[in-house]
């Protein structure tokens, strides 16, 4: 659901989001409409 972004968490549940080659800002906005557990 996040492609071309990736999301991962470390052992302390710190969230990291990395995005490469996004086609538009709309796609970046769509990534942050997904159901992340934390804000």
ModelCIF file with pLDDT and N, C-alpha, C, O atoms, coordinates in Angstrom:
data_MODEL
#
_entry.id   MODEL 
#
_entity.id                         1 
_entity.type                       polymer 
_entity.pdbx_number_of_molecules   1 
#
_entity_poly.entity_id                      1 
_entity_poly.type                           'polypeptide(L)' 
_entity_poly.nstd_linkage                   no 
_entity_poly.nstd_monomer                   no 
_entity_poly.pdbx_seq_one_letter_code       
;(UNK)(UNK)(UNK)(UNK)(UNK)(UNK)(UNK)(UNK)(UNK)(UNK)(UNK)(UNK)(UNK)(UNK)(UNK)(UNK)
(UNK)(UNK)(UNK)(UNK)(UNK)(UNK)(UNK)(UNK)(UNK)(UNK)(UNK)(UNK)(UNK)(UNK)(UNK)(UNK)
(UNK)(UNK)(UNK)(UNK)(UNK)(UNK)(UNK)
;
_entity_poly.pdbx_seq_one_letter_code_can   XXXXXXXXXXXXXXXXXXXXXXXXXXXXXXXXXXXXXXX 
_entity_poly.pdbx_strand_id                 A 
#
loop_
_entity_poly_seq.entity_id 
_entity_poly_seq.num 
_entity_poly_seq.mon_id 
_entity_poly_seq.hetero 
1 1  UNK n 
1 2  UNK n 
1 3  UNK n 
1 4  UNK n 
1 5  UNK n 
1 6  UNK n 
1 7  UNK n 
1 8  UNK n 
1 9  UNK n 
1 10 UNK n 
1 11 UNK n 
1 12 UNK n 
1 13 UNK n 
1 14 UNK n 
1 15 UNK n 
1 16 UNK n 
1 17 UNK n 
1 18 UNK n 
1 19 UNK n 
1 20 UNK n 
1 21 UNK n 
1 22 UNK n 
1 23 UNK n 
1 24 UNK n 
1 25 UNK n 
1 26 UNK n 
1 27 UNK n 
1 28 UNK n 
1 29 UNK n 
1 30 UNK n 
1 31 UNK n 
1 32 UNK n 
1 33 UNK n 
1 34 UNK n 
1 35 UNK n 
1 36 UNK n 
1 37 UNK n 
1 38 UNK n 
1 39 UNK n 
#
_struct_asym.id          A 
_struct_asym.entity_id   1 
#
loop_
_ma_qa_metric.id 
_ma_qa_metric.mode 
_ma_qa_metric.name 
_ma_qa_metric.software_group_id 
_ma_qa_metric.type 
1 global pLDDT . pLDDT 
2 local  pLDDT . pLDDT 
#
_ma_qa_metric_global.metric_id      1 
_ma_qa_metric_global.metric_value   93.26 
_ma_qa_metric_global.model_id       1 
_ma_qa_metric_global.ordinal_id     1 
#
loop_
_ma_qa_metric_local.label_asym_id 
_ma_qa_metric_local.label_comp_id 
_ma_qa_metric_local.label_seq_id 
_ma_qa_metric_local.metric_id 
_ma_qa_metric_local.metric_value 
_ma_qa_metric_local.model_id 
_ma_qa_metric_local.ordinal_id 
A UNK 1  2 92.00 1 1  
A UNK 2  2 94.00 1 2  
A UNK 3  2 94.00 1 3  
A UNK 4  2 94.00 1 4  
A UNK 5  2 95.00 1 5  
A UNK 6  2 95.00 1 6  
A UNK 7  2 94.00 1 7  
A UNK 8  2 93.00 1 8  
A UNK 9  2 92.00 1 9  
A UNK 10 2 91.00 1 10 
A UNK 11 2 91.00 1 11 
A UNK 12 2 91.00 1 12 
A UNK 13 2 91.00 1 13 
A UNK 14 2 93.00 1 14 
A UNK 15 2 93.00 1 15 
A UNK 16 2 96.00 1 16 
A UNK 17 2 96.00 1 17 
A UNK 18 2 97.00 1 18 
A UNK 19 2 96.00 1 19 
A UNK 20 2 95.00 1 20 
A UNK 21 2 95.00 1 21 
A UNK 22 2 95.00 1 22 
A UNK 23 2 95.00 1 23 
A UNK 24 2 95.00 1 24 
A UNK 25 2 94.00 1 25 
A UNK 26 2 94.00 1 26 
A UNK 27 2 95.00 1 27 
A UNK 28 2 95.00 1 28 
A UNK 29 2 94.00 1 29 
A UNK 30 2 94.00 1 30 
A UNK 31 2 94.00 1 31 
A UNK 32 2 92.00 1 32 
A UNK 33 2 92.00 1 33 
A UNK 34 2 91.00 1 34 
A UNK 35 2 89.00 1 35 
A UNK 36 2 90.00 1 36 
A UNK 37 2 89.00 1 37 
A UNK 38 2 89.00 1 38 
A UNK 39 2 92.00 1 39 
#
loop_
_atom_site.group_PDB 
_atom_site.id 
_atom_site.type_symbol 
_atom_site.label_atom_id 
_atom_site.label_alt_id 
_atom_site.label_comp_id 
_atom_site.label_asym_id 
_atom_site.label_entity_id 
_atom_site.label_seq_id 
_atom_site.pdbx_PDB_ins_code 
_atom_site.Cartn_x 
_atom_site.Cartn_y 
_atom_site.Cartn_z 
_atom_site.occupancy 
_atom_site.B_iso_or_equiv 
_atom_site.pdbx_formal_charge 
_atom_site.auth_seq_id 
_atom_site.auth_comp_id 
_atom_site.auth_asym_id 
_atom_site.auth_atom_id 
_atom_site.pdbx_PDB_model_num 
ATOM 1   N N  . UNK A 1 1  ? 0.811  -1.220 0.000   1.00 92.00 ? 1  UNK A N  1 
ATOM 2   C CA . UNK A 1 1  ? 0.000  0.000  0.000   1.00 92.00 ? 1  UNK A CA 1 
ATOM 3   C C  . UNK A 1 1  ? 0.845  1.271  0.000   1.00 92.00 ? 1  UNK A C  1 
ATOM 4   O O  . UNK A 1 1  ? 0.320  2.364  -0.212  1.00 92.00 ? 1  UNK A O  1 
ATOM 5   N N  . UNK A 1 2  ? 2.152  1.135  0.237   1.00 94.00 ? 2  UNK A N  1 
ATOM 6   C CA . UNK A 1 2  ? 3.016  2.310  0.375   1.00 94.00 ? 2  UNK A CA 1 
ATOM 7   C C  . UNK A 1 2  ? 3.952  2.517  -0.808  1.00 94.00 ? 2  UNK A C  1 
ATOM 8   O O  . UNK A 1 2  ? 4.592  3.564  -0.911  1.00 94.00 ? 2  UNK A O  1 
ATOM 9   N N  . UNK A 1 3  ? 4.043  1.537  -1.703  1.00 94.00 ? 3  UNK A N  1 
ATOM 10  C CA . UNK A 1 3  ? 4.971  1.623  -2.832  1.00 94.00 ? 3  UNK A CA 1 
ATOM 11  C C  . UNK A 1 3  ? 4.755  2.938  -3.589  1.00 94.00 ? 3  UNK A C  1 
ATOM 12  O O  . UNK A 1 3  ? 3.611  3.275  -3.893  1.00 94.00 ? 3  UNK A O  1 
ATOM 13  N N  . UNK A 1 4  ? 5.838  3.709  -3.910  1.00 94.00 ? 4  UNK A N  1 
ATOM 14  C CA . UNK A 1 4  ? 7.266  3.382  -3.793  1.00 94.00 ? 4  UNK A CA 1 
ATOM 15  C C  . UNK A 1 4  ? 7.909  3.807  -2.466  1.00 94.00 ? 4  UNK A C  1 
ATOM 16  O O  . UNK A 1 4  ? 9.130  3.948  -2.389  1.00 94.00 ? 4  UNK A O  1 
ATOM 17  N N  . UNK A 1 5  ? 7.112  4.008  -1.445  1.00 95.00 ? 5  UNK A N  1 
ATOM 18  C CA . UNK A 1 5  ? 7.669  4.304  -0.124  1.00 95.00 ? 5  UNK A CA 1 
ATOM 19  C C  . UNK A 1 5  ? 7.827  3.005  0.670   1.00 95.00 ? 5  UNK A C  1 
ATOM 20  O O  . UNK A 1 5  ? 7.200  1.987  0.377   1.00 95.00 ? 5  UNK A O  1 
ATOM 21  N N  . UNK A 1 6  ? 8.684  3.083  1.676   1.00 95.00 ? 6  UNK A N  1 
ATOM 22  C CA . UNK A 1 6  ? 8.833  1.954  2.597   1.00 95.00 ? 6  UNK A CA 1 
ATOM 23  C C  . UNK A 1 6  ? 8.703  2.469  4.020   1.00 95.00 ? 6  UNK A C  1 
ATOM 24  O O  . UNK A 1 6  ? 9.046  3.611  4.324   1.00 95.00 ? 6  UNK A O  1 
ATOM 25  N N  . UNK A 1 7  ? 8.201  1.601  4.882   1.00 94.00 ? 7  UNK A N  1 
ATOM 26  C CA . UNK A 1 7  ? 8.033  1.940  6.284   1.00 94.00 ? 7  UNK A CA 1 
ATOM 27  C C  . UNK A 1 7  ? 8.625  0.819  7.124   1.00 94.00 ? 7  UNK A C  1 
ATOM 28  O O  . UNK A 1 7  ? 8.450  -0.360 6.818   1.00 94.00 ? 7  UNK A O  1 
ATOM 29  N N  . UNK A 1 8  ? 9.319  1.195  8.176   1.00 93.00 ? 8  UNK A N  1 
ATOM 30  C CA . UNK A 1 8  ? 9.838  0.173  9.096   1.00 93.00 ? 8  UNK A CA 1 
ATOM 31  C C  . UNK A 1 8  ? 9.970  0.795  10.477  1.00 93.00 ? 8  UNK A C  1 
ATOM 32  O O  . UNK A 1 8  ? 9.985  2.015  10.637  1.00 93.00 ? 8  UNK A O  1 
ATOM 33  N N  . UNK A 1 9  ? 10.064 -0.078 11.465  1.00 92.00 ? 9  UNK A N  1 
ATOM 34  C CA . UNK A 1 9  ? 10.201 0.362  12.853  1.00 92.00 ? 9  UNK A CA 1 
ATOM 35  C C  . UNK A 1 9  ? 11.399 -0.324 13.475  1.00 92.00 ? 9  UNK A C  1 
ATOM 36  O O  . UNK A 1 9  ? 11.703 -1.473 13.154  1.00 92.00 ? 9  UNK A O  1 
ATOM 37  N N  . UNK A 1 10 ? 12.090 0.388  14.377  1.00 91.00 ? 10 UNK A N  1 
ATOM 38  C CA . UNK A 1 10 ? 13.197 -0.242 15.077  1.00 91.00 ? 10 UNK A CA 1 
ATOM 39  C C  . UNK A 1 10 ? 12.683 -0.959 16.329  1.00 91.00 ? 10 UNK A C  1 
ATOM 40  O O  . UNK A 1 10 ? 11.474 -1.051 16.544  1.00 91.00 ? 10 UNK A O  1 
ATOM 41  N N  . UNK A 1 11 ? 13.597 -1.461 17.145  1.00 91.00 ? 11 UNK A N  1 
ATOM 42  C CA . UNK A 1 11 ? 13.217 -2.236 18.329  1.00 91.00 ? 11 UNK A CA 1 
ATOM 43  C C  . UNK A 1 11 ? 12.414 -1.421 19.336  1.00 91.00 ? 11 UNK A C  1 
ATOM 44  O O  . UNK A 1 11 ? 11.679 -1.974 20.153  1.00 91.00 ? 11 UNK A O  1 
ATOM 45  N N  . UNK A 1 12 ? 12.563 -0.097 19.268  1.00 91.00 ? 12 UNK A N  1 
ATOM 46  C CA . UNK A 1 12 ? 11.828 0.780  20.190  1.00 91.00 ? 12 UNK A CA 1 
ATOM 47  C C  . UNK A 1 12 ? 10.556 1.338  19.559  1.00 91.00 ? 12 UNK A C  1 
ATOM 48  O O  . UNK A 1 12 ? 9.933  2.259  20.088  1.00 91.00 ? 12 UNK A O  1 
ATOM 49  N N  . UNK A 1 13 ? 10.181 0.756  18.408  1.00 91.00 ? 13 UNK A N  1 
ATOM 50  C CA . UNK A 1 13 ? 8.976  1.140  17.670  1.00 91.00 ? 13 UNK A CA 1 
ATOM 51  C C  . UNK A 1 13 ? 9.028  2.580  17.177  1.00 91.00 ? 13 UNK A C  1 
ATOM 52  O O  . UNK A 1 13 ? 7.995  3.233  17.032  1.00 91.00 ? 13 UNK A O  1 
ATOM 53  N N  . UNK A 1 14 ? 10.246 3.074  16.918  1.00 93.00 ? 14 UNK A N  1 
ATOM 54  C CA . UNK A 1 14 ? 10.388 4.341  16.202  1.00 93.00 ? 14 UNK A CA 1 
ATOM 55  C C  . UNK A 1 14 ? 10.099 4.090  14.732  1.00 93.00 ? 14 UNK A C  1 
ATOM 56  O O  . UNK A 1 14 ? 10.671 3.182  14.129  1.00 93.00 ? 14 UNK A O  1 
ATOM 57  N N  . UNK A 1 15 ? 9.221  4.884  14.159  1.00 93.00 ? 15 UNK A N  1 
ATOM 58  C CA . UNK A 1 15 ? 8.791  4.690  12.778  1.00 93.00 ? 15 UNK A CA 1 
ATOM 59  C C  . UNK A 1 15 ? 9.645  5.503  11.811  1.00 93.00 ? 15 UNK A C  1 
ATOM 60  O O  . UNK A 1 15 ? 9.972  6.661  12.073  1.00 93.00 ? 15 UNK A O  1 
ATOM 61  N N  . UNK A 1 16 ? 10.001 4.877  10.690  1.00 96.00 ? 16 UNK A N  1 
ATOM 62  C CA . UNK A 1 16 ? 10.778 5.529  9.650   1.00 96.00 ? 16 UNK A CA 1 
ATOM 63  C C  . UNK A 1 16 ? 10.047 5.329  8.318   1.00 96.00 ? 16 UNK A C  1 
ATOM 64  O O  . UNK A 1 16 ? 9.640  4.215  7.988   1.00 96.00 ? 16 UNK A O  1 
ATOM 65  N N  . UNK A 1 17 ? 9.886  6.412  7.560   1.00 96.00 ? 17 UNK A N  1 
ATOM 66  C CA . UNK A 1 17 ? 9.286  6.330  6.228   1.00 96.00 ? 17 UNK A CA 1 
ATOM 67  C C  . UNK A 1 17 ? 10.265 6.928  5.228   1.00 96.00 ? 17 UNK A C  1 
ATOM 68  O O  . UNK A 1 17 ? 10.730 8.056  5.393   1.00 96.00 ? 17 UNK A O  1 
ATOM 69  N N  . UNK A 1 18 ? 10.576 6.147  4.173   1.00 97.00 ? 18 UNK A N  1 
ATOM 70  C CA . UNK A 1 18 ? 11.486 6.599  3.131   1.00 97.00 ? 18 UNK A CA 1 
ATOM 71  C C  . UNK A 1 18 ? 10.799 6.463  1.778   1.00 97.00 ? 18 UNK A C  1 
ATOM 72  O O  . UNK A 1 18 ? 10.249 5.412  1.448   1.00 97.00 ? 18 UNK A O  1 
ATOM 73  N N  . UNK A 1 19 ? 10.840 7.553  0.993   1.00 96.00 ? 19 UNK A N  1 
ATOM 74  C CA . UNK A 1 19 ? 10.174 7.578  -0.307  1.00 96.00 ? 19 UNK A CA 1 
ATOM 75  C C  . UNK A 1 19 ? 11.156 7.994  -1.386  1.00 96.00 ? 19 UNK A C  1 
ATOM 76  O O  . UNK A 1 19 ? 11.881 8.977  -1.232  1.00 96.00 ? 19 UNK A O  1 
ATOM 77  N N  . UNK A 1 20 ? 11.176 7.244  -2.476  1.00 95.00 ? 20 UNK A N  1 
ATOM 78  C CA . UNK A 1 20 ? 12.011 7.561  -3.620  1.00 95.00 ? 20 UNK A CA 1 
ATOM 79  C C  . UNK A 1 20 ? 11.164 7.481  -4.887  1.00 95.00 ? 20 UNK A C  1 
ATOM 80  O O  . UNK A 1 20 ? 10.298 6.616  -5.022  1.00 95.00 ? 20 UNK A O  1 
ATOM 81  N N  . UNK A 1 21 ? 11.434 8.397  -5.807  1.00 95.00 ? 21 UNK A N  1 
ATOM 82  C CA . UNK A 1 21 ? 10.811 8.359  -7.143  1.00 95.00 ? 21 UNK A CA 1 
ATOM 83  C C  . UNK A 1 21 ? 9.293  8.431  -7.084  1.00 95.00 ? 21 UNK A C  1 
ATOM 84  O O  . UNK A 1 21 ? 8.608  7.729  -7.827  1.00 95.00 ? 21 UNK A O  1 
ATOM 85  N N  . UNK A 1 22 ? 8.769  9.265  -6.215  1.00 95.00 ? 22 UNK A N  1 
ATOM 86  C CA . UNK A 1 22 ? 7.314  9.473  -6.195  1.00 95.00 ? 22 UNK A CA 1 
ATOM 87  C C  . UNK A 1 22 ? 6.891  10.242 -7.447  1.00 95.00 ? 22 UNK A C  1 
ATOM 88  O O  . UNK A 1 22 ? 7.585  11.171 -7.861  1.00 95.00 ? 22 UNK A O  1 
ATOM 89  N N  . UNK A 1 23 ? 5.755  9.865  -8.060  1.00 95.00 ? 23 UNK A N  1 
ATOM 90  C CA . UNK A 1 23 ? 5.345  10.528 -9.302  1.00 95.00 ? 23 UNK A CA 1 
ATOM 91  C C  . UNK A 1 23 ? 4.672  11.879 -9.084  1.00 95.00 ? 23 UNK A C  1 
ATOM 92  O O  . UNK A 1 23 ? 4.593  12.684 -10.011 1.00 95.00 ? 23 UNK A O  1 
ATOM 93  N N  . UNK A 1 24 ? 4.181  12.139 -7.857  1.00 95.00 ? 24 UNK A N  1 
ATOM 94  C CA . UNK A 1 24 ? 3.460  13.388 -7.605  1.00 95.00 ? 24 UNK A CA 1 
ATOM 95  C C  . UNK A 1 24 ? 3.303  13.599 -6.102  1.00 95.00 ? 24 UNK A C  1 
ATOM 96  O O  . UNK A 1 24 ? 3.505  12.681 -5.306  1.00 95.00 ? 24 UNK A O  1 
ATOM 97  N N  . UNK A 1 25 ? 2.938  14.830 -5.729  1.00 94.00 ? 25 UNK A N  1 
ATOM 98  C CA . UNK A 1 25 ? 2.620  15.105 -4.328  1.00 94.00 ? 25 UNK A CA 1 
ATOM 99  C C  . UNK A 1 25 ? 1.359  14.383 -3.893  1.00 94.00 ? 25 UNK A C  1 
ATOM 100 O O  . UNK A 1 25 ? 1.205  14.027 -2.725  1.00 94.00 ? 25 UNK A O  1 
ATOM 101 N N  . UNK A 1 26 ? 0.459  14.170 -4.838  1.00 94.00 ? 26 UNK A N  1 
ATOM 102 C CA . UNK A 1 26 ? -0.775 13.445 -4.509  1.00 94.00 ? 26 UNK A CA 1 
ATOM 103 C C  . UNK A 1 26 ? -0.453 12.040 -4.005  1.00 94.00 ? 26 UNK A C  1 
ATOM 104 O O  . UNK A 1 26 ? -1.116 11.532 -3.101  1.00 94.00 ? 26 UNK A O  1 
ATOM 105 N N  . UNK A 1 27 ? 0.567  11.416 -4.591  1.00 95.00 ? 27 UNK A N  1 
ATOM 106 C CA . UNK A 1 27 ? 0.961  10.085 -4.142  1.00 95.00 ? 27 UNK A CA 1 
ATOM 107 C C  . UNK A 1 27 ? 1.537  10.138 -2.739  1.00 95.00 ? 27 UNK A C  1 
ATOM 108 O O  . UNK A 1 27 ? 1.276  9.247  -1.930  1.00 95.00 ? 27 UNK A O  1 
ATOM 109 N N  . UNK A 1 28 ? 2.334  11.190 -2.430  1.00 95.00 ? 28 UNK A N  1 
ATOM 110 C CA . UNK A 1 28 ? 2.871  11.331 -1.073  1.00 95.00 ? 28 UNK A CA 1 
ATOM 111 C C  . UNK A 1 28 ? 1.729  11.530 -0.077  1.00 95.00 ? 28 UNK A C  1 
ATOM 112 O O  . UNK A 1 28 ? 1.742  10.953 1.011   1.00 95.00 ? 28 UNK A O  1 
ATOM 113 N N  . UNK A 1 29 ? 0.756  12.336 -0.447  1.00 94.00 ? 29 UNK A N  1 
ATOM 114 C CA . UNK A 1 29 ? -0.402 12.553 0.425   1.00 94.00 ? 29 UNK A CA 1 
ATOM 115 C C  . UNK A 1 29 ? -1.177 11.256 0.622   1.00 94.00 ? 29 UNK A C  1 
ATOM 116 O O  . UNK A 1 29 ? -1.678 10.984 1.713   1.00 94.00 ? 29 UNK A O  1 
ATOM 117 N N  . UNK A 1 30 ? -1.273 10.451 -0.450  1.00 94.00 ? 30 UNK A N  1 
ATOM 118 C CA . UNK A 1 30 ? -1.977 9.172  -0.355  1.00 94.00 ? 30 UNK A CA 1 
ATOM 119 C C  . UNK A 1 30 ? -1.282 8.223  0.612   1.00 94.00 ? 30 UNK A C  1 
ATOM 120 O O  . UNK A 1 30 ? -1.944 7.473  1.330   1.00 94.00 ? 30 UNK A O  1 
ATOM 121 N N  . UNK A 1 31 ? 0.056  8.250  0.636   1.00 94.00 ? 31 UNK A N  1 
ATOM 122 C CA . UNK A 1 31 ? 0.808  7.403  1.568   1.00 94.00 ? 31 UNK A CA 1 
ATOM 123 C C  . UNK A 1 31 ? 0.388  7.696  3.003   1.00 94.00 ? 31 UNK A C  1 
ATOM 124 O O  . UNK A 1 31 ? 0.228  6.778  3.808   1.00 94.00 ? 31 UNK A O  1 
ATOM 125 N N  . UNK A 1 32 ? 0.209  8.974  3.321   1.00 92.00 ? 32 UNK A N  1 
ATOM 126 C CA . UNK A 1 32 ? -0.127 9.339  4.695   1.00 92.00 ? 32 UNK A CA 1 
ATOM 127 C C  . UNK A 1 32 ? -1.627 9.276  4.990   1.00 92.00 ? 32 UNK A C  1 
ATOM 128 O O  . UNK A 1 32 ? -2.082 9.689  6.057   1.00 92.00 ? 32 UNK A O  1 
ATOM 129 N N  . UNK A 1 33 ? -2.380 8.756  4.032   1.00 92.00 ? 33 UNK A N  1 
ATOM 130 C CA . UNK A 1 33 ? -3.788 8.450  4.301   1.00 92.00 ? 33 UNK A CA 1 
ATOM 131 C C  . UNK A 1 33 ? -3.968 6.995  4.710   1.00 92.00 ? 33 UNK A C  1 
ATOM 132 O O  . UNK A 1 33 ? -5.075 6.574  5.044   1.00 92.00 ? 33 UNK A O  1 
ATOM 133 N N  . UNK A 1 34 ? -2.878 6.224  4.684   1.00 91.00 ? 34 UNK A N  1 
ATOM 134 C CA . UNK A 1 34 ? -2.934 4.814  5.040   1.00 91.00 ? 34 UNK A CA 1 
ATOM 135 C C  . UNK A 1 34 ? -2.999 4.645  6.560   1.00 91.00 ? 34 UNK A C  1 
ATOM 136 O O  . UNK A 1 34 ? -2.661 5.563  7.307   1.00 91.00 ? 34 UNK A O  1 
ATOM 137 N N  . UNK A 1 35 ? -3.435 3.466  7.010   1.00 89.00 ? 35 UNK A N  1 
ATOM 138 C CA . UNK A 1 35 ? -3.657 3.247  8.459   1.00 89.00 ? 35 UNK A CA 1 
ATOM 139 C C  . UNK A 1 35 ? -2.371 2.962  9.236   1.00 89.00 ? 35 UNK A C  1 
ATOM 140 O O  . UNK A 1 35 ? -2.127 1.820  9.627   1.00 89.00 ? 35 UNK A O  1 
ATOM 141 N N  . UNK A 1 36 ? -1.547 3.987  9.463   1.00 90.00 ? 36 UNK A N  1 
ATOM 142 C CA . UNK A 1 36 ? -0.402 3.835  10.355  1.00 90.00 ? 36 UNK A CA 1 
ATOM 143 C C  . UNK A 1 36 ? -0.896 3.685  11.790  1.00 90.00 ? 36 UNK A C  1 
ATOM 144 O O  . UNK A 1 36 ? -1.888 4.303  12.177  1.00 90.00 ? 36 UNK A O  1 
ATOM 145 N N  . UNK A 1 37 ? -0.210 2.872  12.570  1.00 89.00 ? 37 UNK A N  1 
ATOM 146 C CA . UNK A 1 37 ? -0.619 2.667  13.969  1.00 89.00 ? 37 UNK A CA 1 
ATOM 147 C C  . UNK A 1 37 ? -0.345 3.896  14.819  1.00 89.00 ? 37 UNK A C  1 
ATOM 148 O O  . UNK A 1 37 ? -1.060 4.154  15.787  1.00 89.00 ? 37 UNK A O  1 
ATOM 149 N N  . UNK A 1 38 ? 0.699  4.666  14.460  1.00 89.00 ? 38 UNK A N  1 
ATOM 150 C CA . UNK A 1 38 ? 1.080  5.843  15.233  1.00 89.00 ? 38 UNK A CA 1 
ATOM 151 C C  . UNK A 1 38 ? 1.075  7.077  14.331  1.00 89.00 ? 38 UNK A C  1 
ATOM 152 O O  . UNK A 1 38 ? 1.096  6.962  13.105  1.00 89.00 ? 38 UNK A O  1 
ATOM 153 N N  . UNK A 1 39 ? 1.048  8.247  14.947  1.00 92.00 ? 39 UNK A N  1 
ATOM 154 C CA . UNK A 1 39 ? 1.105  9.498  14.197  1.00 92.00 ? 39 UNK A CA 1 
ATOM 155 C C  . UNK A 1 39 ? 2.433  10.224 14.377  1.00 92.00 ? 39 UNK A C  1 
ATOM 156 O O  . UNK A 1 39 ? 2.634  11.296 13.807  1.00 92.00 ? 39 UNK A O  1 
#
